[in-house]
Amino acid sequence: MTSSETDIVRVLEADGRFAPSPAAEQYLSLIDAISDSELEQFYRDMVEIRAIDNQATNLQRQGQLALWPPSRGQEAAQVGSARAARAQDTLFPSYREHAVTRIRGVDPVDIIKLMRGVSHGGWDPTDPKNGNTRLYTLVLGSQTLHAAGYAMGLTFDGRTGTGDPDRDEAVVVYYGDGASSQGDVHEAMVFAASYQAPTVFFLQNNQWAISVPVSTQTRVPFAQRSAGYGIPSVRVDGNDVLASYAVSRLALEEARAGGGPRAIEAETYRLGAHTTSDDPTKYRTSDEEAAWAQRDPIARMRAFLEGKGAAASFFDDVDASAAAAAEDLRVRTLALTPPSADKIFDHVYSEPHPLIEEQRAWRAQYEASFDEPTDGGAR
């Protein structure tokens, strides 16, 4: 362990051994409280979303999607943090949080709709079935402002810090190492810290901001950036789902209780391309990729569960359910149809607006004009 890693919270080694780092000691009681069924659910979550992610990547390569941002390799950071949140908490994803959205109830096909270009947003964030999950945000870092503002509203409305853990709310916002260099992120931290808003800033440091390495972006751990605003910040092994869960669980509890914002830097790795329009072989080495593949979060958790005596039938069942989820995604993606052109007028305003209705009527009239002869002859 290098000096730069001594403060990282890690519970599982890459080979699945339970070997808590010194920084993990304060979280062991939370980890001890995780039931065997919850441990198995963590593993199932990761395997199933990877299968869905791989299927979506293949669909893009087949021309069924315009774009797909793979999340392979980042499953533990996402699953641990999402499972640590309570139902009343609101989550603000970036655009790669496929595991987070699925755990919260969002249909993966709704993400496909966005990437296929048949939806402007993907899902209704106000629908209870979507688990207080806000929409994907393709503009880097802007969701941190949304999250901080929402969390400030929770404070103003008295929906946090009341002492009732079953009702108090908090916010989790996900962003990447590249986004952390955006001004929006820093402005969000200023406001969250100033107003002690219950915001958990969850940074997935996957080592590359498209083709820009971490070494170019910062000379110190990213967690020091949030700490500079007076926000208690923690570094965690983002490929360790148990560590991710425990760190997120405590941060959320402290935020809900009125402790103000918290920040987590999850060190992980994007095993795939930035998006399907990217070629990572142009800027990173195969040796680097192979080294991080040895730290695969799914293989690590599987080894841990096998060490605890998990039956082979459990892993077979998970593999089968993952394959079924991927196949379901493929079938329903191919069945998607384009929306009507009239849909572009929906949701421009929250209430009916005369200008929008005028434009809707003009479009309908214009489209109908193509069904009429323009030269006096029959069509």
Protein backbone atom coordinates (compact mmCIF):
# COMPACT_ATOMS: atom_id res chain seq x y z
CA MET A 1 0.00 0.00 0.00
CA THR A 2 1.51 3.34 -1.08
CA SER A 3 1.35 6.51 0.95
CA SER A 4 -1.34 7.82 -1.40
CA GLU A 5 -3.54 4.83 -0.53
CA THR A 6 -3.23 4.77 3.25
CA ASP A 7 -6.43 6.74 3.74
CA ILE A 8 -8.56 4.64 1.36
CA VAL A 9 -11.43 2.71 2.88
CA ARG A 10 -11.14 -0.89 1.68
CA VAL A 11 -12.73 -4.01 3.12
CA LEU A 12 -12.13 -6.65 0.45
CA GLU A 13 -8.81 -7.24 -1.25
CA ALA A 14 -8.76 -7.88 -4.99
CA ASP A 15 -8.79 -11.64 -4.38
CA GLY A 16 -11.91 -11.40 -2.19
CA ARG A 17 -10.18 -11.72 1.17
CA PHE A 18 -11.78 -9.81 4.03
CA ALA A 19 -8.90 -7.53 5.02
CA PRO A 20 -10.10 -4.09 6.19
CA SER A 21 -7.69 -1.21 5.73
CA PRO A 22 -6.97 1.04 8.74
CA ALA A 23 -9.34 3.64 7.32
CA ALA A 24 -12.14 1.05 7.25
CA GLU A 25 -12.14 0.34 10.97
CA GLN A 26 -14.88 2.86 11.78
CA TYR A 27 -17.19 1.25 9.23
CA LEU A 28 -16.93 -2.38 10.35
CA SER A 29 -20.08 -2.28 12.48
CA LEU A 30 -22.08 -1.24 9.42
CA ILE A 31 -20.55 -4.06 7.40
CA ASP A 32 -21.18 -6.60 10.13
CA ALA A 33 -24.86 -5.65 10.03
CA ILE A 34 -25.21 -6.63 6.35
CA SER A 35 -27.18 -9.85 6.07
CA ASP A 36 -26.19 -12.75 3.83
CA SER A 37 -29.20 -12.08 1.61
CA GLU A 38 -28.09 -8.46 1.20
CA LEU A 39 -24.57 -9.57 0.31
CA GLU A 40 -25.99 -11.84 -2.35
CA GLN A 41 -28.21 -9.02 -3.63
CA PHE A 42 -25.15 -6.80 -4.07
CA TYR A 43 -23.56 -9.48 -6.24
CA ARG A 44 -26.75 -10.05 -8.21
CA ASP A 45 -27.12 -6.32 -8.85
CA MET A 46 -23.62 -6.08 -10.28
CA VAL A 47 -23.85 -9.15 -12.51
CA GLU A 48 -27.26 -8.27 -13.91
CA ILE A 49 -26.41 -4.66 -14.73
CA ARG A 50 -23.19 -5.74 -16.45
CA ALA A 51 -25.16 -8.10 -18.65
CA ILE A 52 -27.60 -5.30 -19.47
CA ASP A 53 -24.72 -2.92 -20.11
CA ASN A 54 -23.00 -5.38 -22.47
CA GLN A 55 -26.26 -5.95 -24.33
CA ALA A 56 -26.80 -2.21 -24.75
CA THR A 57 -23.26 -1.83 -26.11
CA ASN A 58 -23.95 -4.58 -28.64
CA LEU A 59 -27.24 -2.94 -29.64
CA GLN A 60 -25.41 0.29 -30.35
CA ARG A 61 -22.88 -1.54 -32.49
CA GLN A 62 -25.79 -3.04 -34.42
CA GLY A 63 -27.18 0.42 -35.17
CA GLN A 64 -30.06 0.29 -32.73
CA LEU A 65 -28.78 3.15 -30.52
CA ALA A 66 -27.09 6.41 -31.35
CA LEU A 67 -24.79 6.16 -28.33
CA TRP A 68 -24.14 4.13 -25.19
CA PRO A 69 -21.91 5.02 -22.19
CA PRO A 70 -20.65 1.71 -20.72
CA SER A 71 -20.37 1.32 -16.95
CA ARG A 72 -18.36 -1.92 -16.91
CA GLY A 73 -15.95 -1.89 -14.00
CA GLN A 74 -17.82 0.71 -11.96
CA GLU A 75 -20.58 -1.56 -10.68
CA ALA A 76 -19.41 -1.80 -7.05
CA ALA A 77 -19.28 1.96 -6.52
CA GLN A 78 -22.79 2.33 -7.89
CA VAL A 79 -24.42 -0.67 -6.25
CA GLY A 80 -22.95 0.01 -2.83
CA SER A 81 -23.98 3.65 -2.78
CA ALA A 82 -27.46 3.07 -4.21
CA ARG A 83 -28.21 0.26 -1.77
CA ALA A 84 -27.09 2.54 1.09
CA ALA A 85 -29.72 5.16 0.23
CA ARG A 86 -33.18 5.14 1.79
CA ALA A 87 -36.39 5.22 -0.21
CA GLN A 88 -37.01 8.88 0.69
CA ASP A 89 -33.60 10.02 -0.56
CA THR A 90 -33.33 11.66 -3.98
CA LEU A 91 -30.59 10.58 -6.40
CA PHE A 92 -29.15 12.69 -9.20
CA PRO A 93 -27.20 10.56 -11.72
CA SER A 94 -24.85 11.73 -14.42
CA TYR A 95 -25.14 9.49 -17.53
CA ARG A 96 -23.36 6.26 -16.62
CA GLU A 97 -25.24 5.27 -13.45
CA HIS A 98 -27.07 2.31 -14.95
CA ALA A 99 -26.83 0.25 -11.75
CA VAL A 100 -28.07 3.13 -9.61
CA THR A 101 -31.13 3.78 -11.74
CA ARG A 102 -32.07 0.11 -11.97
CA ILE A 103 -31.83 -0.38 -8.20
CA ARG A 104 -34.09 2.62 -7.70
CA GLY A 105 -36.72 1.18 -10.04
CA VAL A 106 -36.02 2.85 -13.39
CA ASP A 107 -36.66 0.54 -16.33
CA PRO A 108 -33.38 0.11 -18.29
CA VAL A 109 -35.39 0.47 -21.49
CA ASP A 110 -36.12 4.05 -20.45
CA ILE A 111 -32.37 4.72 -20.67
CA ILE A 112 -32.37 3.01 -24.06
CA LYS A 113 -35.14 5.36 -25.22
CA LEU A 114 -32.93 8.33 -24.44
CA MET A 115 -29.89 6.86 -26.20
CA ARG A 116 -32.00 5.75 -29.14
CA GLY A 117 -33.39 9.26 -29.58
CA VAL A 118 -37.07 8.43 -29.03
CA SER A 119 -37.35 10.28 -25.72
CA HIS A 120 -36.22 13.69 -24.52
CA GLY A 121 -35.67 12.53 -20.95
CA GLY A 122 -36.13 8.80 -20.58
CA TRP A 123 -38.40 8.56 -17.56
CA ASP A 124 -40.66 10.62 -15.33
CA PRO A 125 -38.64 11.52 -12.22
CA THR A 126 -41.83 12.36 -10.32
CA ASP A 127 -43.30 8.88 -10.84
CA PRO A 128 -42.96 6.94 -7.55
CA LYS A 129 -41.96 3.78 -9.42
CA ASN A 130 -38.71 5.52 -10.41
CA GLY A 131 -37.58 5.86 -6.82
CA ASN A 132 -36.88 9.60 -6.59
CA THR A 133 -34.33 9.29 -9.37
CA ARG A 134 -33.71 12.36 -11.47
CA LEU A 135 -32.92 12.25 -15.17
CA TYR A 136 -29.57 11.56 -16.76
CA THR A 137 -27.53 14.72 -17.38
CA LEU A 138 -25.19 14.84 -20.35
CA VAL A 139 -23.85 18.31 -19.55
CA LEU A 140 -20.90 17.59 -17.27
CA GLY A 141 -21.39 18.59 -13.65
CA SER A 142 -24.66 20.47 -14.04
CA GLN A 143 -26.51 17.88 -11.98
CA THR A 144 -24.47 18.85 -8.92
CA LEU A 145 -26.12 22.27 -8.97
CA HIS A 146 -29.53 20.64 -9.25
CA ALA A 147 -28.73 18.36 -6.34
CA ALA A 148 -27.39 21.12 -4.09
CA GLY A 149 -30.41 23.29 -4.83
CA TYR A 150 -32.80 20.45 -4.11
CA ALA A 151 -30.99 19.68 -0.86
CA MET A 152 -31.17 23.34 0.14
CA GLY A 153 -34.92 23.09 -0.40
CA LEU A 154 -35.07 20.12 1.94
CA THR A 155 -33.43 22.24 4.61
CA PHE A 156 -35.76 25.19 4.05
CA ASP A 157 -38.80 22.88 4.15
CA GLY A 158 -37.73 21.17 7.37
CA ARG A 159 -37.41 17.77 5.71
CA THR A 160 -33.98 16.99 7.10
CA GLY A 161 -32.26 17.14 10.48
CA THR A 162 -35.50 16.64 12.43
CA GLY A 163 -34.22 13.64 14.35
CA ASP A 164 -36.57 11.19 12.63
CA PRO A 165 -34.32 8.88 10.56
CA ASP A 166 -37.32 7.35 8.82
CA ARG A 167 -38.48 10.71 7.47
CA ASP A 168 -35.39 12.87 7.15
CA GLU A 169 -34.14 13.11 3.58
CA ALA A 170 -30.80 13.49 1.86
CA VAL A 171 -29.52 13.76 -1.69
CA VAL A 172 -26.84 11.79 -3.55
CA VAL A 173 -25.32 13.26 -6.70
CA TYR A 174 -23.02 11.27 -8.99
CA TYR A 175 -20.31 12.79 -11.14
CA GLY A 176 -16.92 11.82 -12.54
CA ASP A 177 -13.32 12.90 -12.21
CA GLY A 178 -13.57 14.97 -15.38
CA ALA A 179 -16.74 16.69 -14.21
CA SER A 180 -15.02 17.60 -10.94
CA SER A 181 -12.98 20.13 -12.90
CA GLN A 182 -16.13 21.93 -14.03
CA GLY A 183 -17.11 25.17 -12.34
CA ASP A 184 -20.65 23.93 -11.69
CA VAL A 185 -19.33 21.29 -9.30
CA HIS A 186 -17.41 23.81 -7.24
CA GLU A 187 -20.32 26.24 -7.15
CA ALA A 188 -22.56 23.43 -5.95
CA MET A 189 -20.14 22.63 -3.15
CA VAL A 190 -19.99 26.29 -2.11
CA PHE A 191 -23.76 26.48 -1.76
CA ALA A 192 -24.12 23.05 -0.15
CA ALA A 193 -21.46 23.91 2.43
CA SER A 194 -22.78 27.43 3.05
CA TYR A 195 -26.32 26.23 3.66
CA GLN A 196 -25.34 22.90 5.22
CA ALA A 197 -27.52 21.17 2.68
CA PRO A 198 -27.80 17.36 3.04
CA THR A 199 -25.91 16.57 -0.16
CA VAL A 200 -23.62 13.58 -0.64
CA PHE A 201 -21.25 14.31 -3.52
CA PHE A 202 -20.31 10.90 -4.94
CA LEU A 203 -17.36 11.15 -7.32
CA GLN A 204 -16.57 8.07 -9.40
CA ASN A 205 -12.91 8.48 -10.20
CA ASN A 206 -12.58 6.08 -13.14
CA GLN A 207 -9.09 7.40 -13.94
CA TRP A 208 -9.90 8.95 -17.32
CA ALA A 209 -11.87 12.03 -18.36
CA ILE A 210 -12.36 10.61 -21.85
CA SER A 211 -8.67 10.73 -22.87
CA VAL A 212 -7.34 12.96 -20.08
CA PRO A 213 -5.68 10.99 -17.25
CA VAL A 214 -6.08 11.77 -13.57
CA SER A 215 -2.42 12.75 -13.40
CA THR A 216 -3.17 15.70 -15.68
CA GLN A 217 -6.33 16.76 -13.85
CA THR A 218 -4.99 16.96 -10.32
CA ARG A 219 -1.84 16.69 -8.26
CA VAL A 220 -3.73 15.60 -5.12
CA PRO A 221 -6.62 13.22 -4.46
CA PHE A 222 -9.94 14.61 -5.67
CA ALA A 223 -11.33 14.31 -2.15
CA GLN A 224 -9.12 17.23 -1.16
CA ARG A 225 -11.09 19.48 -3.48
CA SER A 226 -14.34 18.97 -1.56
CA ALA A 227 -12.49 19.08 1.74
CA GLY A 228 -11.29 22.53 0.76
CA TYR A 229 -14.87 23.74 1.03
CA GLY A 230 -15.18 22.40 4.54
CA ILE A 231 -17.01 19.25 3.43
CA PRO A 232 -15.96 16.06 5.27
CA SER A 233 -14.53 13.86 2.51
CA VAL A 234 -13.66 10.18 2.28
CA ARG A 235 -11.73 8.10 -0.26
CA VAL A 236 -12.99 4.58 -0.85
CA ASP A 237 -12.00 1.65 -3.03
CA GLY A 238 -14.72 1.95 -5.62
CA ASN A 239 -14.26 -1.67 -6.71
CA ASP A 240 -15.20 -2.90 -3.22
CA VAL A 241 -18.99 -2.98 -2.96
CA LEU A 242 -18.93 -3.47 0.82
CA ALA A 243 -16.73 -0.43 1.37
CA SER A 244 -18.83 1.65 -1.02
CA TYR A 245 -21.98 0.66 0.86
CA ALA A 246 -20.60 1.39 4.32
CA VAL A 247 -19.06 4.75 3.44
CA SER A 248 -22.22 5.87 1.64
CA ARG A 249 -24.47 4.64 4.44
CA LEU A 250 -22.64 6.67 7.09
CA ALA A 251 -22.37 9.77 4.90
CA LEU A 252 -26.11 9.69 4.22
CA GLU A 253 -26.95 9.18 7.87
CA GLU A 254 -24.82 12.16 8.85
CA ALA A 255 -26.31 14.34 6.10
CA ARG A 256 -29.89 13.43 7.03
CA ALA A 257 -29.20 14.17 10.68
CA GLY A 258 -28.30 17.78 9.87
CA GLY A 259 -24.54 17.37 9.55
CA GLY A 260 -24.41 19.12 6.21
CA PRO A 261 -22.86 17.88 2.97
CA ARG A 262 -20.47 14.97 2.65
CA ALA A 263 -18.18 13.92 -0.20
CA ILE A 264 -16.96 10.52 -1.34
CA GLU A 265 -14.26 9.79 -3.90
CA ALA A 266 -14.65 6.23 -5.17
CA GLU A 267 -11.48 5.05 -6.91
CA THR A 268 -12.52 2.74 -9.71
CA TYR A 269 -11.78 2.16 -13.39
CA ARG A 270 -13.72 2.38 -16.62
CA LEU A 271 -12.91 -0.97 -18.19
CA GLY A 272 -14.66 -0.07 -21.41
CA ALA A 273 -14.73 2.99 -23.64
CA HIS A 274 -15.93 6.39 -22.47
CA THR A 275 -18.84 5.92 -24.86
CA THR A 276 -19.33 3.77 -27.91
CA SER A 277 -17.94 6.63 -30.03
CA ASP A 278 -14.60 6.45 -28.18
CA ASP A 279 -11.51 4.31 -28.80
CA PRO A 280 -9.55 3.94 -25.52
CA THR A 281 -6.68 2.14 -27.26
CA LYS A 282 -5.62 5.55 -28.57
CA TYR A 283 -4.73 6.86 -25.13
CA ARG A 284 -4.23 4.03 -22.61
CA THR A 285 -2.16 0.86 -22.55
CA SER A 286 -3.24 -2.75 -22.50
CA ASP A 287 -1.02 -3.29 -19.44
CA GLU A 288 -2.99 -0.69 -17.52
CA GLU A 289 -6.29 -2.25 -18.52
CA ALA A 290 -5.07 -5.72 -17.56
CA ALA A 291 -3.90 -4.51 -14.15
CA TRP A 292 -7.28 -3.00 -13.37
CA ALA A 293 -9.09 -6.06 -14.70
CA GLN A 294 -7.44 -7.97 -11.85
CA ARG A 295 -9.41 -5.73 -9.49
CA ASP A 296 -12.75 -6.45 -11.16
CA PRO A 297 -15.51 -5.74 -8.59
CA ILE A 298 -17.67 -8.69 -9.62
CA ALA A 299 -14.85 -11.23 -9.45
CA ARG A 300 -13.85 -9.81 -6.07
CA MET A 301 -17.33 -10.14 -4.59
CA ARG A 302 -17.80 -13.61 -6.05
CA ALA A 303 -14.57 -14.80 -4.41
CA PHE A 304 -15.74 -13.33 -1.10
CA LEU A 305 -19.12 -15.08 -1.30
CA GLU A 306 -17.53 -18.36 -2.29
CA GLY A 307 -15.30 -18.04 0.75
CA LYS A 308 -18.42 -17.63 2.88
CA GLY A 309 -19.85 -20.83 1.45
CA ALA A 310 -22.28 -19.54 -1.19
CA ALA A 311 -23.65 -22.46 -3.21
CA ALA A 312 -22.82 -22.95 -6.87
CA SER A 313 -26.56 -22.95 -7.56
CA PHE A 314 -26.73 -19.34 -6.40
CA PHE A 315 -24.19 -18.21 -8.98
CA ASP A 316 -25.92 -20.25 -11.68
CA ASP A 317 -29.21 -18.57 -10.82
CA VAL A 318 -27.64 -15.11 -10.97
CA ASP A 319 -26.08 -15.86 -14.36
CA ALA A 320 -29.43 -17.07 -15.67
CA SER A 321 -31.33 -14.03 -14.40
CA ALA A 322 -28.66 -11.73 -15.87
CA ALA A 323 -28.95 -13.42 -19.27
CA ALA A 324 -32.75 -13.12 -19.10
CA ALA A 325 -32.53 -9.41 -18.23
CA ALA A 326 -30.19 -8.79 -21.16
CA GLU A 327 -32.44 -10.69 -23.56
CA ASP A 328 -35.49 -8.79 -22.30
CA LEU A 329 -33.66 -5.52 -22.98
CA ARG A 330 -32.83 -6.62 -26.53
CA VAL A 331 -36.38 -7.71 -27.35
CA ARG A 332 -38.00 -4.57 -25.99
CA THR A 333 -35.42 -2.30 -27.62
CA LEU A 334 -36.14 -3.76 -31.05
CA ALA A 335 -39.87 -3.24 -30.43
CA LEU A 336 -39.49 0.50 -29.78
CA THR A 337 -41.14 2.81 -32.29
CA PRO A 338 -40.50 6.52 -32.92
CA PRO A 339 -42.81 8.94 -31.10
CA SER A 340 -45.18 11.17 -33.02
CA ALA A 341 -43.77 14.53 -34.08
CA ASP A 342 -46.49 16.18 -32.01
CA LYS A 343 -44.74 15.01 -28.86
CA ILE A 344 -42.15 17.78 -29.11
CA PHE A 345 -44.76 20.18 -27.74
CA ASP A 346 -45.45 18.15 -24.60
CA HIS A 347 -43.85 19.29 -21.34
CA VAL A 348 -42.39 22.52 -22.73
CA TYR A 349 -44.36 24.22 -19.98
CA SER A 350 -45.95 22.63 -16.93
CA GLU A 351 -49.34 24.09 -17.91
CA PRO A 352 -51.00 24.65 -21.31
CA HIS A 353 -49.55 27.69 -23.08
CA PRO A 354 -51.19 29.58 -25.96
CA LEU A 355 -47.93 30.02 -27.90
CA ILE A 356 -47.21 26.29 -27.75
CA GLU A 357 -50.75 25.47 -28.85
CA GLU A 358 -50.37 27.90 -31.75
CA GLN A 359 -47.16 26.20 -32.81
CA ARG A 360 -48.76 22.77 -32.46
CA ALA A 361 -51.62 23.85 -34.74
CA TRP A 362 -49.20 25.34 -37.28
CA ARG A 363 -47.19 22.14 -37.43
CA ALA A 364 -50.32 20.07 -37.97
CA GLN A 365 -51.48 22.38 -40.74
CA TYR A 366 -48.05 22.37 -42.38
CA GLU A 367 -47.85 18.58 -42.31
CA ALA A 368 -51.37 18.27 -43.73
CA SER A 369 -50.44 20.54 -46.62
CA PHE A 370 -48.25 17.81 -48.07
CA ASP A 371 -51.32 15.63 -48.60
CA GLU A 372 -52.88 18.23 -50.89
CA PRO A 373 -51.99 18.78 -54.58
CA THR A 374 -49.87 21.91 -55.14
CA ASP A 375 -50.03 22.00 -58.96
CA GLY A 376 -53.73 21.56 -59.54
CA GLY A 377 -53.29 17.91 -60.47
CA ALA A 378 -54.09 14.74 -58.68
CA ARG A 379 -51.53 13.01 -56.47
